[in-house]
Amino acid sequence: MSADRPAGRCPQAASAAAVAGRHAPVRTPEDRAQRTALAAYTAFRERHYEPYLQYAALRLGRGAAAEAVVVAAFTELAVSWTAILGSAGPAAAAWRILHDHIDRALGCGPAAVPAVQALQHDAHFLHEQMQLSPERIAEVLGIRPENLPSLPTRGPQE
């Protein structure tokens, strides 16, 4: 009896399963690494896009220019994401990229102030102008919270 054989009951299903088995994607370690890097970039972009855009808009004073600068910074970041992800501080590297794009948009060359002073200025700016918490400032700047420069305390909210 042909009803006892699975292929006899549904020859198309057996044929489709055989074809699917021949064309199933092979997952290599490189594929997994690329998917992981893409997921990390996507999560980073979702978490940092808004504060980057707010910072750029406050520095540049123009919404369209700020958007263009942030898009350019994230494009540069995406191109070199795998290398940046392997660095000691991906968020710090991303902040430097954003900062460089904003400085170029303002017509400024590389910062003449020491990195520590620039970091302190940025921390104060994010605290005062954007009202970010110290923990969020450290995250956006890509530094450890204990390395965050001291911030002035805010008075009672009016």
Protein backbone atom coordinates (compact mmCIF):
# COMPACT_ATOMS: atom_id res chain seq x y z
CA MET A 1 0.00 0.00 0.00
CA SER A 2 1.32 3.36 -0.96
CA ALA A 3 -0.61 5.10 1.85
CA ASP A 4 1.92 3.75 4.36
CA ARG A 5 4.79 5.65 2.74
CA PRO A 6 5.06 9.36 3.63
CA ALA A 7 6.14 10.31 0.11
CA GLY A 8 3.17 8.50 -1.30
CA ARG A 9 0.76 10.61 0.74
CA CYS A 10 2.20 13.99 -0.19
CA PRO A 11 4.90 13.90 -2.84
CA GLN A 12 5.04 17.71 -3.09
CA ALA A 13 5.89 18.03 0.63
CA ALA A 14 8.70 15.50 0.37
CA SER A 15 10.05 17.28 -2.72
CA ALA A 16 9.81 20.72 -1.03
CA ALA A 17 11.60 19.43 2.06
CA ALA A 18 14.41 18.03 -0.08
CA VAL A 19 14.80 21.33 -1.95
CA ALA A 20 14.71 23.34 1.30
CA GLY A 21 17.39 21.11 2.79
CA ARG A 22 19.67 21.76 -0.20
CA HIS A 23 19.17 25.55 0.02
CA ALA A 24 19.19 26.06 3.79
CA PRO A 25 21.62 28.86 4.66
CA VAL A 26 24.81 27.81 6.33
CA ARG A 27 25.53 29.99 9.35
CA THR A 28 29.23 30.67 9.66
CA PRO A 29 30.89 32.38 12.62
CA GLU A 30 31.41 35.41 10.36
CA ASP A 31 27.66 35.55 9.64
CA ARG A 32 26.89 35.45 13.35
CA ALA A 33 29.52 38.13 14.05
CA GLN A 34 28.04 40.38 11.36
CA ARG A 35 24.51 39.91 12.71
CA THR A 36 25.74 40.64 16.23
CA ALA A 37 27.59 43.77 15.08
CA LEU A 38 24.52 44.97 13.17
CA ALA A 39 22.30 44.40 16.19
CA ALA A 40 24.77 46.28 18.40
CA TYR A 41 24.93 49.19 15.93
CA THR A 42 21.14 49.35 15.67
CA ALA A 43 20.75 49.36 19.46
CA PHE A 44 23.47 52.00 19.84
CA ARG A 45 21.88 54.21 17.18
CA GLU A 46 18.44 53.94 18.76
CA ARG A 47 19.83 54.84 22.19
CA HIS A 48 22.07 57.72 21.08
CA TYR A 49 20.38 59.31 18.06
CA GLU A 50 18.11 61.70 19.98
CA PRO A 51 20.72 63.11 22.39
CA TYR A 52 23.17 63.46 19.50
CA LEU A 53 20.53 65.32 17.48
CA GLN A 54 19.64 67.59 20.42
CA TYR A 55 23.30 68.35 21.06
CA ALA A 56 23.93 69.10 17.37
CA ALA A 57 20.85 71.35 17.18
CA LEU A 58 21.96 73.31 20.24
CA ARG A 59 25.48 73.72 18.89
CA LEU A 60 24.49 74.49 15.29
CA GLY A 61 21.25 76.32 15.94
CA ARG A 62 19.59 74.89 12.84
CA GLY A 63 17.46 71.74 12.69
CA ALA A 64 18.29 70.70 9.11
CA ALA A 65 22.01 71.23 9.60
CA ALA A 66 21.91 69.29 12.85
CA GLU A 67 20.08 66.40 11.19
CA ALA A 68 22.60 66.32 8.32
CA VAL A 69 25.54 66.31 10.73
CA VAL A 70 24.10 63.51 12.86
CA VAL A 71 23.26 61.41 9.79
CA ALA A 72 26.82 61.93 8.50
CA ALA A 73 28.27 60.97 11.87
CA PHE A 74 26.19 57.80 12.07
CA THR A 75 27.09 56.94 8.47
CA GLU A 76 30.78 57.22 9.31
CA LEU A 77 30.15 55.20 12.44
CA ALA A 78 28.34 52.47 10.49
CA VAL A 79 31.17 52.17 7.98
CA SER A 80 33.76 51.57 10.69
CA TRP A 81 31.45 49.99 13.29
CA THR A 82 33.19 46.61 13.45
CA ALA A 83 36.53 48.24 14.25
CA ILE A 84 34.93 50.70 16.67
CA LEU A 85 33.02 47.90 18.38
CA GLY A 86 36.33 46.15 19.00
CA SER A 87 37.85 49.25 20.60
CA ALA A 88 38.03 49.95 24.31
CA GLY A 89 35.30 52.60 24.14
CA PRO A 90 32.82 52.48 21.24
CA ALA A 91 30.57 55.20 22.70
CA ALA A 92 33.56 57.50 23.27
CA ALA A 93 34.71 56.94 19.68
CA ALA A 94 31.19 57.69 18.42
CA TRP A 95 31.09 60.91 20.48
CA ARG A 96 34.41 62.03 18.94
CA ILE A 97 33.04 61.33 15.46
CA LEU A 98 29.92 63.39 16.18
CA HIS A 99 32.02 66.17 17.69
CA ASP A 100 34.30 66.26 14.62
CA HIS A 101 31.29 66.54 12.28
CA ILE A 102 29.80 69.36 14.34
CA ASP A 103 33.12 71.21 14.49
CA ARG A 104 33.48 70.95 10.70
CA ALA A 105 29.92 72.22 10.22
CA LEU A 106 30.82 75.21 12.40
CA GLY A 107 33.97 75.80 10.36
CA CYS A 108 36.26 74.86 13.23
CA GLY A 109 39.35 72.76 12.89
CA PRO A 110 40.36 70.09 15.33
CA ALA A 111 39.85 71.19 18.89
CA ALA A 112 42.73 73.24 20.24
CA VAL A 113 41.68 72.56 23.82
CA PRO A 114 42.91 69.46 25.63
CA ALA A 115 40.59 66.45 25.49
CA VAL A 116 39.95 66.65 29.25
CA GLN A 117 38.75 70.24 28.94
CA ALA A 118 36.57 69.40 25.94
CA LEU A 119 35.05 66.49 27.84
CA GLN A 120 34.35 68.69 30.85
CA HIS A 121 32.76 71.33 28.63
CA ASP A 122 30.58 68.72 26.91
CA ALA A 123 29.51 67.23 30.24
CA HIS A 124 28.49 70.65 31.54
CA PHE A 125 26.71 71.43 28.27
CA LEU A 126 24.72 68.18 28.36
CA HIS A 127 23.88 68.81 32.01
CA GLU A 128 22.92 72.48 31.73
CA GLN A 129 21.43 72.71 28.24
CA MET A 130 19.90 69.28 27.80
CA GLN A 131 19.14 68.53 31.46
CA LEU A 132 20.58 65.01 31.25
CA SER A 133 21.32 63.03 34.39
CA PRO A 134 24.96 62.34 35.24
CA GLU A 135 24.46 58.66 34.38
CA ARG A 136 23.03 59.51 30.95
CA ILE A 137 25.79 62.06 30.32
CA ALA A 138 28.43 59.42 31.04
CA GLU A 139 26.65 57.02 28.68
CA VAL A 140 26.37 59.58 25.87
CA LEU A 141 30.00 60.67 26.23
CA GLY A 142 31.16 57.08 26.44
CA ILE A 143 32.91 57.35 29.78
CA ARG A 144 32.52 55.63 33.11
CA PRO A 145 30.29 57.50 35.55
CA GLU A 146 33.17 57.76 38.04
CA ASN A 147 35.24 59.57 35.36
CA LEU A 148 32.55 62.18 34.77
CA PRO A 149 33.74 65.67 35.67
CA SER A 150 31.95 67.21 38.63
CA LEU A 151 28.75 68.91 37.59
CA PRO A 152 27.08 71.86 39.26
CA THR A 153 24.00 70.99 41.26
CA ARG A 154 20.76 72.37 39.95
CA GLY A 155 18.58 74.53 42.12
CA PRO A 156 15.00 73.54 42.90
CA GLN A 157 12.80 73.35 39.82
CA GLU A 158 10.51 76.32 39.44
